[in-house]
Protein backbone atom coordinates (compact mmCIF):
# COMPACT_ATOMS: atom_id res chain seq x y z
CA MET A 1 51.97 49.85 159.07
CA GLU A 2 53.81 47.99 161.85
CA SER A 3 56.54 47.02 159.38
CA ASN A 4 57.18 50.66 158.48
CA THR A 5 57.29 51.58 162.15
CA ASN A 6 59.84 48.86 162.81
CA GLU A 7 62.05 50.07 159.95
CA ILE A 8 61.98 53.63 161.26
CA ALA A 9 62.84 52.35 164.73
CA ILE A 10 65.76 50.38 163.28
CA TYR A 11 67.12 53.51 161.57
CA ILE A 12 66.68 55.55 164.74
CA ASN A 13 68.52 52.93 166.80
CA ALA A 14 71.30 52.78 164.22
CA PHE A 15 71.64 56.57 164.28
CA LYS A 16 71.71 56.62 168.10
CA ARG A 17 74.27 53.87 168.10
CA ARG A 18 76.53 55.64 165.59
CA LYS A 19 75.71 59.26 166.40
CA TRP A 20 79.33 60.19 166.85
CA LEU A 21 80.16 58.92 163.36
CA PHE A 22 77.62 61.46 162.16
CA VAL A 23 78.54 64.34 164.44
CA PHE A 24 82.29 64.39 164.05
CA PRO A 25 82.53 64.24 160.20
CA ALA A 26 79.60 66.61 159.75
CA ALA A 27 80.96 69.10 162.28
CA ALA A 28 84.48 68.93 160.92
CA THR A 29 83.28 69.36 157.34
CA PHE A 30 80.99 72.27 158.20
CA LEU A 31 83.72 73.92 160.24
CA ILE A 32 86.25 73.69 157.42
CA ALA A 33 83.68 74.85 154.84
CA ALA A 34 82.64 77.76 157.07
CA LEU A 35 86.25 78.80 157.52
CA ILE A 36 86.81 78.65 153.78
CA VAL A 37 83.61 80.63 153.05
CA LEU A 38 84.49 83.26 155.62
CA ALA A 39 88.06 83.41 154.35
CA LEU A 40 87.06 83.99 150.72
CA PRO A 41 87.95 87.54 149.61
CA SER A 42 85.04 89.94 149.38
CA ILE A 43 84.36 91.28 145.90
CA TYR A 44 82.74 94.71 145.71
CA VAL A 45 80.93 96.00 142.64
CA SER A 46 80.22 99.60 141.72
CA SER A 47 78.09 100.34 138.68
CA ALA A 48 76.80 103.35 136.78
CA THR A 49 73.76 103.61 134.53
CA VAL A 50 74.09 105.60 131.31
CA LEU A 51 71.01 106.63 129.34
CA VAL A 52 71.10 106.71 125.54
CA GLU A 53 69.21 109.94 124.81
CA GLY A 54 67.80 110.54 121.37
CA GLN A 55 68.46 113.58 119.20
CA GLU A 56 66.77 116.73 120.52
CA VAL A 57 66.25 118.20 117.04
CA PRO A 58 63.83 116.08 114.95
CA GLN A 59 65.66 113.88 112.46
CA GLU A 60 63.23 115.01 109.76
CA LEU A 61 64.89 118.43 109.98
CA ILE A 62 68.54 117.49 110.52
CA GLN A 63 70.10 114.08 110.03
CA THR A 64 73.09 113.12 112.16
CA THR A 65 76.24 111.65 110.63
CA VAL A 66 76.47 108.95 113.33
CA THR A 67 74.25 106.05 112.29
CA GLY A 68 73.98 102.33 112.97
CA PHE A 69 72.77 100.24 115.86
CA VAL A 70 73.37 101.46 119.38
CA GLU A 71 74.85 98.10 120.36
CA GLU A 72 77.48 98.33 117.62
CA ARG A 73 78.44 101.87 118.61
CA LEU A 74 78.68 100.91 122.29
CA GLN A 75 80.89 97.97 121.40
CA SER A 76 83.11 100.18 119.27
CA ILE A 77 83.38 102.80 122.02
CA SER A 78 84.24 100.08 124.54
CA GLN A 79 87.09 98.79 122.39
CA LEU A 80 88.53 102.28 121.93
CA ALA A 81 87.97 103.57 125.46
CA PHE A 82 89.24 100.48 127.24
CA ASN A 83 92.45 100.11 125.30
CA ARG A 84 95.77 99.12 126.81
CA LYS A 85 97.00 102.67 127.37
CA ASN A 86 93.87 103.85 129.18
CA LEU A 87 93.52 100.75 131.35
CA MET A 88 97.20 100.76 132.32
CA GLY A 89 96.86 104.43 133.25
CA ILE A 90 93.87 103.70 135.50
CA MET A 91 95.68 100.72 137.00
CA GLU A 92 98.68 102.88 137.90
CA ARG A 93 96.61 105.82 139.11
CA PHE A 94 94.53 103.83 141.60
CA GLY A 95 97.07 101.11 142.45
CA LEU A 96 95.02 98.16 141.20
CA TYR A 97 96.27 94.56 141.47
CA LYS A 98 99.42 95.41 143.43
CA GLU A 99 99.40 91.98 145.05
CA TYR A 100 99.55 90.34 141.61
CA ARG A 101 102.16 92.51 139.91
CA ASP A 102 105.09 90.40 141.05
CA THR A 103 103.56 87.14 139.86
CA HIS A 104 101.63 88.22 136.74
CA THR A 105 102.62 89.88 133.48
CA GLY A 106 101.15 93.14 132.24
CA GLU A 107 98.97 91.36 129.70
CA GLU A 108 97.59 89.06 132.38
CA LEU A 109 96.78 92.05 134.58
CA LEU A 110 95.04 93.75 131.65
CA GLU A 111 93.05 90.62 130.90
CA MET A 112 92.11 90.40 134.58
CA MET A 113 90.95 94.02 134.57
CA ARG A 114 88.94 93.56 131.38
CA GLU A 115 87.22 90.55 132.95
CA ASN A 116 86.29 92.72 135.93
CA ILE A 117 84.70 95.35 133.66
CA LYS A 118 81.12 94.63 132.64
CA VAL A 119 78.99 96.55 130.12
CA GLU A 120 75.40 95.34 130.01
CA ASN A 121 72.73 96.78 127.74
CA ILE A 122 69.27 97.67 129.02
CA GLN A 123 66.68 97.03 126.34
CA ALA A 124 63.08 98.04 126.00
CA ASP A 125 60.24 97.48 123.56
CA VAL A 126 59.85 100.46 121.24
CA VAL A 127 57.87 101.31 118.12
CA THR A 128 59.82 102.45 115.06
CA SER A 129 58.83 105.32 112.78
CA THR A 130 57.22 102.75 110.47
CA GLY A 131 54.97 101.56 113.31
CA ARG A 132 56.78 98.27 113.71
CA PRO A 133 57.45 97.10 117.30
CA THR A 134 61.03 96.13 118.06
CA THR A 135 63.54 95.91 120.88
CA ALA A 136 66.11 98.66 121.27
CA THR A 137 68.87 99.52 123.70
CA VAL A 138 67.79 102.55 125.72
CA ALA A 139 70.52 102.48 128.37
CA PHE A 140 73.42 100.42 129.65
CA THR A 141 75.25 99.78 132.90
CA LEU A 142 79.00 99.93 133.31
CA SER A 143 80.37 98.16 136.38
CA PHE A 144 83.71 97.21 137.86
CA GLU A 145 84.44 94.68 140.57
CA GLY A 146 87.37 94.46 142.96
CA LYS A 147 88.46 93.77 146.51
CA TYR A 148 88.62 97.33 147.81
CA PRO A 149 85.48 99.51 147.76
CA LYS A 150 87.27 102.82 147.33
CA GLN A 151 89.36 101.54 144.42
CA VAL A 152 86.25 100.05 142.85
CA LEU A 153 84.41 103.39 143.06
CA GLN A 154 87.35 105.38 141.69
CA THR A 155 87.92 102.92 138.88
CA THR A 156 84.25 102.84 137.90
CA SER A 157 84.08 106.65 137.82
CA ALA A 158 87.21 106.78 135.65
CA LEU A 159 85.82 104.14 133.27
CA VAL A 160 82.52 106.00 132.92
CA SER A 161 84.37 109.25 132.20
CA LEU A 162 86.51 107.48 129.60
CA PHE A 163 83.42 105.99 127.98
CA LEU A 164 81.54 109.30 127.78
CA GLU A 165 84.60 111.22 126.56
CA GLU A 166 85.32 108.61 123.90
CA ASN A 167 81.71 108.80 122.73
CA LEU A 168 81.91 112.59 122.35
CA ARG A 169 85.29 112.37 120.63
CA GLN A 170 84.07 109.72 118.21
CA ARG A 171 80.93 111.63 117.30
CA GLU A 172 82.74 114.93 116.79
CA GLU A 173 85.54 113.24 114.85
CA LYS A 174 83.08 111.41 112.61
CA ALA A 175 81.07 114.58 111.97
CA LEU A 176 84.24 116.54 111.17
CA THR A 177 85.64 113.76 108.99
CA THR A 178 82.39 113.52 107.06
CA TYR A 179 82.28 117.29 106.58
CA ASP A 180 85.91 117.47 105.40
CA PHE A 181 85.44 114.51 103.04
CA LEU A 182 82.32 116.01 101.48
CA ASN A 183 84.06 119.38 101.16
CA LYS A 184 86.90 117.77 99.21
CA GLN A 185 84.38 115.98 97.01
CA LEU A 186 82.55 119.27 96.48
CA ASP A 187 85.78 120.98 95.33
CA GLN A 188 86.50 118.13 92.92
CA LEU A 189 82.98 118.26 91.52
CA ARG A 190 83.21 122.06 91.24
CA HIS A 191 86.33 121.65 89.09
CA GLU A 192 84.55 118.99 87.02
CA VAL A 193 81.61 121.34 86.43
CA GLN A 194 83.96 124.16 85.45
CA ASP A 195 85.86 121.83 83.10
CA SER A 196 82.57 120.72 81.54
CA GLU A 197 81.52 124.35 81.07
CA ALA A 198 84.90 125.17 79.49
CA ARG A 199 84.64 122.18 77.12
CA ILE A 200 81.12 123.19 76.11
CA ALA A 201 82.23 126.80 75.52
CA ALA A 202 85.22 125.68 73.42
CA PHE A 203 83.02 123.26 71.48
CA LYS A 204 80.47 126.01 70.81
CA GLU A 205 83.21 128.35 69.65
CA VAL A 206 84.49 125.79 67.13
CA HIS A 207 81.12 124.41 65.99
CA TYR A 208 78.83 127.35 66.72
CA ARG A 209 77.28 127.19 63.22
CA SER A 210 76.42 123.48 63.56
CA LEU A 211 74.85 123.56 66.99
CA PRO A 212 71.41 121.93 67.30
CA GLU A 213 69.72 125.19 68.28
CA LEU A 214 70.97 126.81 65.03
CA THR A 215 69.75 124.04 62.72
CA GLU A 216 66.50 125.84 61.89
CA LEU A 217 68.34 129.12 61.34
CA ASN A 218 70.88 127.35 59.11
CA LEU A 219 68.08 125.88 57.01
CA GLN A 220 66.46 129.29 56.66
CA THR A 221 69.79 130.89 55.76
CA LEU A 222 70.49 128.12 53.24
CA GLU A 223 67.12 128.72 51.63
CA ARG A 224 67.76 132.46 51.50
CA VAL A 225 71.23 131.93 49.99
CA GLN A 226 69.75 129.60 47.39
CA LYS A 227 67.26 132.29 46.45
CA ASP A 228 70.10 134.83 46.20
CA ILE A 229 72.05 132.41 43.98
CA ASP A 230 69.06 131.98 41.71
CA ALA A 231 68.60 135.75 41.58
CA ARG A 232 72.28 136.34 40.78
CA GLN A 233 72.25 133.69 38.08
CA GLU A 234 69.20 135.33 36.56
CA MET A 235 70.91 138.72 36.82
CA ILE A 236 74.06 137.38 35.11
CA LYS A 237 71.94 135.92 32.33
CA THR A 238 70.17 139.26 31.90
CA LEU A 239 73.48 141.15 31.85
CA MET A 240 74.94 138.71 29.31
CA ASP A 241 71.93 139.27 27.06
CA ARG A 242 72.34 143.03 27.50
CA LYS A 243 76.03 142.82 26.64
CA VAL A 244 75.30 140.89 23.48
CA TYR A 245 72.65 143.41 22.54
CA LEU A 246 74.94 146.41 23.17
CA GLU A 247 77.79 144.81 21.23
CA GLY A 248 75.40 144.38 18.31
CA GLN A 249 74.42 148.04 18.54
CA LEU A 250 78.05 149.10 18.79
CA ALA A 251 78.90 147.31 15.57
CA THR A 252 76.50 149.55 13.62
CA VAL A 253 77.83 152.87 14.99
CA ASP A 254 80.96 154.69 13.76
CA GLN A 255 83.60 155.24 16.36
CA THR A 256 84.36 158.90 15.51
CA LEU A 257 82.71 161.90 13.97
CA HIS A 258 84.38 163.20 10.80
CA SER A 259 86.52 166.30 11.42
CA TYR A 260 88.03 168.46 8.65
CA SER A 261 91.05 170.66 8.47
CA ALA A 262 91.22 174.28 7.23
CA THR A 263 92.02 173.00 3.73
CA GLY A 264 88.86 170.90 3.76
CA GLN A 265 90.61 167.55 4.26
CA ARG A 266 89.02 165.08 6.72
CA ILE A 267 90.99 164.45 9.86
CA MET A 268 91.32 160.76 10.69
CA SER A 269 90.86 159.35 14.14
CA PRO A 270 93.89 157.84 15.95
CA GLU A 271 92.63 154.33 15.21
CA GLU A 272 92.21 155.22 11.51
CA GLU A 273 95.59 156.92 11.53
CA LEU A 274 97.17 153.80 13.07
CA LYS A 275 95.49 151.60 10.50
CA SER A 276 96.71 153.91 7.65
CA LEU A 277 100.27 153.98 8.99
CA ARG A 278 100.31 150.20 9.28
CA SER A 279 99.13 149.95 5.62
CA GLN A 280 101.84 152.37 4.49
CA TYR A 281 104.43 150.43 6.50
CA LEU A 282 103.43 147.18 4.85
CA SER A 283 103.47 148.82 1.38
CA LEU A 284 106.91 150.39 1.85
CA LYS A 285 108.27 147.18 3.38
CA THR A 286 108.07 145.55 -0.04
CA THR A 287 110.26 148.21 -1.68
CA ARG A 288 112.48 149.47 1.15
CA SER A 289 114.62 147.96 3.85
CA GLU A 290 114.02 148.19 7.60
CA LYS A 291 116.78 150.80 7.95
CA HIS A 292 115.34 153.15 5.39
CA PRO A 293 114.47 156.57 6.88
CA ASP A 294 110.86 156.32 5.78
CA MET A 295 110.53 152.86 7.35
CA ILE A 296 112.08 154.03 10.61
CA LYS A 297 109.79 157.07 10.67
CA LEU A 298 106.67 155.00 10.04
CA LYS A 299 107.68 152.46 12.65
CA GLY A 300 108.19 155.20 15.25
CA GLN A 301 104.82 156.76 14.45
CA ILE A 302 103.11 153.35 14.76
CA GLU A 303 104.73 152.62 18.15
CA LEU A 304 103.79 156.08 19.45
CA LEU A 305 100.17 155.71 18.37
CA GLU A 306 99.94 152.19 19.85
CA LYS A 307 101.29 153.44 23.18
CA GLU A 308 98.94 156.39 23.24
CA LEU A 309 95.93 154.28 22.32
CA THR A 310 96.84 151.71 25.04
CA THR A 311 97.10 154.44 27.66
CA ARG A 312 93.84 155.97 26.57
CA LYS A 313 92.06 152.58 26.57
CA LYS A 314 93.36 151.84 30.09
CA THR A 315 92.06 155.19 31.30
CA GLN A 316 88.71 154.50 29.68
CA ASP A 317 88.52 151.04 31.31
CA ILE A 318 89.34 152.56 34.70
CA ASP A 319 86.65 155.19 34.22
CA ALA A 320 84.09 152.59 33.21
CA GLU A 321 84.96 150.28 36.12
CA LEU A 322 84.97 153.25 38.52
CA GLU A 323 81.56 154.30 37.31
CA SER A 324 80.23 150.77 37.76
CA TRP A 325 81.62 150.49 41.32
CA LYS A 326 80.19 153.86 42.23
CA ARG A 327 76.75 152.73 41.12
CA GLN A 328 77.17 149.48 43.05
CA LEU A 329 78.35 151.37 46.17
CA GLU A 330 75.35 153.64 45.95
CA SER A 331 73.06 150.61 45.74
CA LEU A 332 74.78 148.90 48.70
CA GLU A 333 74.60 152.01 50.88
CA LYS A 334 70.85 152.03 50.41
CA ARG A 335 70.52 148.45 51.67
CA TYR A 336 73.21 148.13 54.37
CA THR A 337 74.90 150.20 57.04
CA ASP A 338 78.27 151.84 56.64
CA LYS A 339 79.99 149.06 58.61
CA HIS A 340 78.65 146.23 56.47
CA PRO A 341 81.49 144.17 54.89
CA ASP A 342 80.13 144.63 51.34
CA VAL A 343 79.90 148.42 51.77
CA VAL A 344 83.41 148.59 53.20
CA ALA A 345 84.77 146.44 50.34
CA ALA A 346 83.00 148.58 47.69
CA ARG A 347 84.38 151.78 49.18
CA GLY A 348 87.86 150.32 49.17
CA LYS A 349 87.51 149.35 45.51
CA VAL A 350 86.28 152.85 44.53
CA ALA A 351 89.21 154.45 46.36
CA GLU A 352 91.63 152.07 44.64
CA LEU A 353 90.22 152.86 41.16
CA GLU A 354 90.32 156.61 41.79
CA LYS A 355 93.97 156.28 42.78
CA GLU A 356 94.69 154.31 39.57
CA ARG A 357 92.88 156.96 37.54
CA VAL A 358 94.99 159.71 39.06
CA GLU A 359 98.16 157.74 38.31
CA ALA A 360 97.02 157.16 34.71
CA ALA A 361 96.21 160.86 34.25
CA LYS A 362 99.79 161.76 35.20
CA SER A 363 101.16 159.81 32.19
CA PRO A 364 102.15 162.16 29.27
CA SER A 365 99.91 161.86 26.24
CA VAL A 366 100.14 163.48 22.89
CA LEU A 367 96.54 162.80 22.02
CA THR A 368 95.10 164.46 25.08
CA SER A 369 96.78 167.73 24.21
CA ASP A 370 94.73 168.06 21.06
CA VAL A 371 91.09 167.16 21.66
CA LYS A 372 90.07 167.62 18.11
CA LEU A 373 92.34 164.82 16.96
CA ASP A 374 90.54 162.42 19.40
CA GLN A 375 86.99 163.45 18.89
CA GLU A 376 84.79 160.32 18.98
CA ASN A 377 81.18 159.68 18.19
CA PRO A 378 79.06 160.25 21.36
CA ALA A 379 76.74 157.36 20.47
CA TYR A 380 79.73 155.07 20.11
CA ILE A 381 81.18 156.23 23.40
CA ASN A 382 77.83 155.74 25.14
CA LEU A 383 77.42 152.20 23.83
CA LYS A 384 80.98 151.29 24.63
CA THR A 385 80.65 152.69 28.14
CA GLN A 386 77.46 150.68 28.65
CA ILE A 387 79.20 147.54 27.43
CA GLN A 388 82.12 148.11 29.79
CA ALA A 389 79.75 148.78 32.68
CA THR A 390 77.81 145.65 31.79
CA VAL A 391 81.03 143.62 31.73
CA LEU A 392 81.94 144.97 35.16
CA ASP A 393 78.45 144.22 36.43
CA ILE A 394 78.76 140.67 35.11
CA ARG A 395 82.13 140.32 36.80
CA ASN A 396 80.76 141.66 40.08
CA GLU A 397 77.72 139.44 39.90
CA LYS A 398 79.93 136.43 39.23
CA ASN A 399 82.07 137.33 42.23
CA ILE A 400 78.97 137.70 44.36
CA LEU A 401 77.65 134.42 42.95
CA ALA A 402 80.93 132.70 43.83
CA ASP A 403 80.70 134.08 47.36
CA LEU A 404 77.10 132.95 47.62
CA ARG A 405 77.97 129.46 46.40
CA LYS A 406 80.83 129.33 48.89
CA LYS A 407 78.45 130.45 51.60
CA TYR A 408 75.92 127.87 50.42
CA ASP A 409 78.54 125.10 50.63
CA GLU A 410 79.52 126.28 54.10
CA TYR A 411 75.94 126.09 55.35
CA VAL A 412 75.48 122.71 53.70
CA ALA A 413 78.57 121.55 55.59
CA TYR A 414 77.17 123.04 58.80
CA ILE A 415 73.92 121.14 58.32
CA GLU A 416 75.71 117.91 57.36
CA GLN A 417 77.91 118.18 60.45
CA GLY A 418 74.82 118.78 62.57
CA PRO A 419 74.16 115.14 63.64
CA GLN A 420 77.79 114.52 64.68
CA VAL A 421 77.97 117.90 66.38
CA GLU A 422 74.62 117.29 68.07
CA GLN A 423 75.78 113.88 69.32
CA GLU A 424 79.02 115.28 70.74
CA TYR A 425 77.22 118.33 72.09
CA ALA A 426 74.62 116.10 73.76
CA ARG A 427 77.42 114.05 75.33
CA LEU A 428 79.06 117.22 76.67
CA GLN A 429 75.70 118.47 77.93
CA ARG A 430 75.03 115.10 79.55
CA ASP A 431 78.42 115.15 81.27
CA TYR A 432 77.75 118.69 82.43
CA GLN A 433 74.30 117.81 83.73
CA ASN A 434 75.66 114.74 85.56
CA SER A 435 78.49 116.77 87.07
CA SER A 436 76.11 119.57 87.96
CA ALA A 437 73.62 117.14 89.54
CA LYS A 438 76.40 115.49 91.56
CA PHE A 439 77.63 118.93 92.56
CA GLN A 440 74.17 119.99 93.73
CA GLU A 441 73.65 116.70 95.57
CA THR A 442 77.05 116.93 97.27
CA GLN A 443 76.37 120.56 98.12
CA GLN A 444 73.21 119.47 99.93
CA LYS A 445 75.21 116.76 101.71
CA VAL A 446 77.83 119.31 102.76
CA LEU A 447 75.07 121.49 104.19
CA ALA A 448 73.63 118.51 106.05
CA ALA A 449 77.11 117.55 107.31
CA ARG A 450 77.69 121.12 108.51
CA GLN A 451 74.38 121.04 110.38
CA ALA A 452 75.26 117.64 111.85
CA ARG A 453 78.62 119.01 112.97
CA GLU A 454 76.88 121.91 114.68
CA LEU A 455 74.56 119.39 116.36
CA GLU A 456 77.55 117.61 117.82
CA LYS A 457 79.21 120.87 118.87
CA GLU A 458 76.06 122.08 120.63
CA ASN A 459 75.59 118.61 122.16
CA VAL A 460 71.98 118.36 120.98
CA ALA A 461 72.46 115.19 118.93
CA GLU A 462 72.14 111.70 120.33
CA LYS A 463 74.15 111.59 123.56
CA LEU A 464 74.96 109.46 126.56
CA SER A 465 73.78 110.84 129.91
CA LEU A 466 74.89 109.55 133.28
CA VAL A 467 71.62 108.99 135.16
CA GLU A 468 72.98 106.89 138.04
CA PRO A 469 76.58 107.67 138.99
CA PRO A 470 78.68 105.02 140.71
CA VAL A 471 78.52 104.92 144.51
CA LEU A 472 80.81 103.48 147.17
CA PRO A 473 79.86 99.81 147.64
CA GLU A 474 79.23 98.93 151.30
CA ILE A 475 78.17 95.30 150.96
CA PRO A 476 80.21 92.83 148.92
CA ALA A 477 78.48 91.53 145.84
CA LYS A 478 80.17 88.16 146.13
CA PRO A 479 80.71 85.62 147.46
CA LYS A 480 77.16 84.99 148.75
CA ARG A 481 78.27 83.75 152.18
CA PRO A 482 74.83 82.87 153.67
CA LEU A 483 74.04 80.78 150.64
CA LEU A 484 77.45 79.12 150.73
CA LEU A 485 77.05 78.35 154.46
CA VAL A 486 73.67 76.75 153.81
CA VAL A 487 75.22 74.66 151.06
CA ALA A 488 78.12 73.75 153.36
CA PHE A 489 75.68 72.71 156.11
CA ILE A 490 73.71 70.53 153.70
CA LEU A 491 76.89 68.92 152.40
CA SER A 492 78.24 68.28 155.92
CA VAL A 493 74.94 66.69 157.00
CA GLY A 494 74.98 64.59 153.88
CA LEU A 495 78.56 63.57 154.60
CA GLY A 496 77.63 62.54 158.19
CA VAL A 497 74.66 60.54 156.98
CA GLY A 498 76.85 58.91 154.38
CA VAL A 499 79.47 57.89 156.95
CA VAL A 500 76.79 56.42 159.23
CA SER A 501 75.20 54.57 156.30
CA ILE A 502 78.50 53.10 155.16
CA ALA A 503 79.41 51.98 158.70
CA GLU A 504 75.99 50.39 159.20
CA PHE A 505 76.15 48.72 155.79
CA MET A 506 79.54 47.18 156.49
CA ASP A 507 78.51 45.96 159.99
CA GLY A 508 76.96 42.44 159.72
CA SER A 509 76.11 41.96 163.42
CA LEU A 510 72.67 42.21 165.07
CA HIS A 511 72.19 44.98 167.58
CA ASP A 512 68.46 44.83 168.53
CA SER A 513 65.43 42.55 168.70
CA LEU A 514 63.68 44.31 165.90
CA THR A 515 66.42 43.46 163.43
CA LEU A 516 66.43 39.85 164.66
CA ALA A 517 62.66 39.56 164.31
CA ALA A 518 62.83 41.10 160.85
CA LEU A 519 65.44 38.61 159.74
CA THR A 520 63.94 35.43 161.30
CA GLY A 521 60.29 36.28 161.08
CA VAL A 522 59.83 34.91 164.64
CA PRO A 523 58.85 37.13 167.55
CA VAL A 524 61.53 37.73 170.13
CA LEU A 525 60.49 36.64 173.61
CA GLY A 526 63.15 38.56 175.52
CA VAL A 527 66.38 40.50 175.22
CA ILE A 528 69.42 39.78 177.34
CA PRO A 529 71.70 42.86 177.40
CA TYR A 530 75.24 42.47 176.22
CA VAL A 531 77.74 42.29 179.07
CA GLN A 532 81.02 43.86 178.03
CA THR A 533 84.28 42.61 179.38
CA ARG A 534 87.02 44.85 180.59
CA GLU A 535 89.01 44.26 177.43
CA GLU A 536 86.05 45.28 175.26
CA ILE A 537 85.48 48.43 177.30
CA ALA A 538 89.15 49.34 176.91
CA ALA A 539 89.06 48.67 173.20
CA ARG A 540 85.94 50.81 172.86
CA ARG A 541 87.58 53.70 174.65
CA LYS A 542 90.65 53.25 172.49
CA ARG A 543 88.54 53.44 169.34
CA LYS A 544 86.86 56.64 170.53
CA MET A 545 90.22 58.18 171.24
CA LEU A 546 91.44 57.19 167.80
CA VAL A 547 88.33 58.74 166.23
CA VAL A 548 88.80 61.96 168.17
CA MET A 549 92.47 62.08 167.29
CA GLY A 550 91.64 61.38 163.67
CA LEU A 551 89.15 64.21 163.60
CA VAL A 552 91.67 66.53 165.22
CA GLY A 553 94.26 65.43 162.67
CA VAL A 554 91.85 66.04 159.79
CA ILE A 555 91.04 69.49 161.15
CA ALA A 556 94.73 70.27 161.64
CA ALA A 557 95.61 69.04 158.15
CA SER A 558 92.77 71.06 156.65
CA ALA A 559 93.91 74.16 158.51
CA LEU A 560 97.46 73.59 157.29
CA VAL A 561 96.33 73.22 153.69
CA LEU A 562 94.16 76.34 154.05
CA HIS A 563 97.06 78.28 155.56
CA LEU A 564 99.59 77.21 152.95
CA PHE A 565 97.57 77.12 149.74
CA ILE A 566 94.54 79.37 150.21
CA MET A 567 95.00 82.10 152.85
CA PRO A 568 97.00 82.51 156.04
CA LEU A 569 95.07 81.61 159.17
CA ASP A 570 95.68 84.97 160.85
CA ILE A 571 94.06 86.76 157.94
CA ILE A 572 91.17 84.32 158.06
CA PHE A 573 90.83 84.97 161.79
CA TYR A 574 90.70 88.74 161.33
CA LYS A 575 88.23 88.42 158.46
CA VAL A 576 85.99 86.15 160.50
CA MET A 577 86.11 88.50 163.46
CA ASP A 578 85.35 91.44 161.17
CA LYS A 579 82.34 89.61 159.69
CA LEU A 580 81.09 88.64 163.11
CA GLN A 581 81.36 92.21 164.32
CA ARG A 582 79.38 93.40 161.33
CA LEU A 583 76.74 90.76 161.89
CA LEU A 584 76.47 91.62 165.59
């Protein structure tokens, strides 16, 4: 305990002995530090708080086109709002950094201004729609720092206005861009749908008989045509049998009835007359030449009869065919309407045959002038007419059968083409459905984009609201002078203690009995004070003067350095006086 007391007493004696080595360095250091702290330029900060308000209309009803994290959008807005043009405009409008314009480039001034702008997000714990807790940005502060309070306030207000205007412009531009883009897509898809409809219509027009929905009808029609073919074949077979039967009956019936002249001689029919003349011609040909009058007469009679018989046979054929077509037309009119193709064709054929009959009737005929010479057997005429009608019926049935077979082949082709047509038709339908689905989907998107655009126009979507406008700063935000003065005081005290400690450490002499007793371990019986000579007293005074002059020199040198390299002393003086007046 006594040892500790002695050590403390030694330190106290050393401090008393070298108190001026402590006072002068500590005071000089604190004075210089205080001058520097007071001379530092005051930096004022003005800030504004902007609230990120959510969409007023529920998002379940209308979705906005502006999505993504708030932090990303704020960063994007900052980059666009605080571009070179805007910042240079603010710098010129409020006269910022005039003292640096002669020594700094424009880019350096811009970089300096950007460093003085601060955007800090304010986050809060929120619960998402899925019930999951998370952290979200609900507001942010925008601040600007500078030397002059009024400039700081004006600049902060301008920056906030730029930020809010850029946010509105971005949102409206994005909503409009989205709406225009979707409208263009909708027009393209509308054309695609119309093209698909046109391709389907053209495909149906070309392959309408082979479409999938007509497959069942084609099969039914094919079955019906097959039945008609079978019926026509059976009809042709029946008509062929009837023709054979009628031809057999015709062979047993004489062609003409026997007619007699007034003298009782039988009158021959034209066919018999022609046969007789041909026999006479052949008989005379053996005894007479071709130029003999009898031969020439017979030859002329034969040619005349052949011509007349040909004309008469043609007229008979026309009559028989006309009769057959009339019966067929009557049958068709009972089954179909007047505009049916078969009815129209039958009427045309009847009209054509009647015209041919009229033309044939106009031809001069010797036989027709004398009916008695051409009187035929009614039974023969009836059978022959039936045969001719049967032949025409067979011909008509064969024509109908050919048409039916052609129709059958067509429907077989329709059915065979069905799978390929169905595949292509399904592809066209699929393309149409895809285009139509895309069109409907895009149409819904266009409607949503239009609603989102109206949200932005009415300013009811997510928006930034200024809740705390910037105010004129009255107290500088930095430097923190009281704190710096405390630090300067601590450092100056430490420097004084350090100087005293170094001086004491380098001094090897004994100055008190306590130190002597501590070194020798023997108690000191008495202390004889040191008697200084005149020379020592003079040297001591000289040392004190040198110390004082050194301190004055250090202070003067520090003031000179401060004046030349940091701030002029007159400005420091006025700043110090201004601070003191404010404090008082």
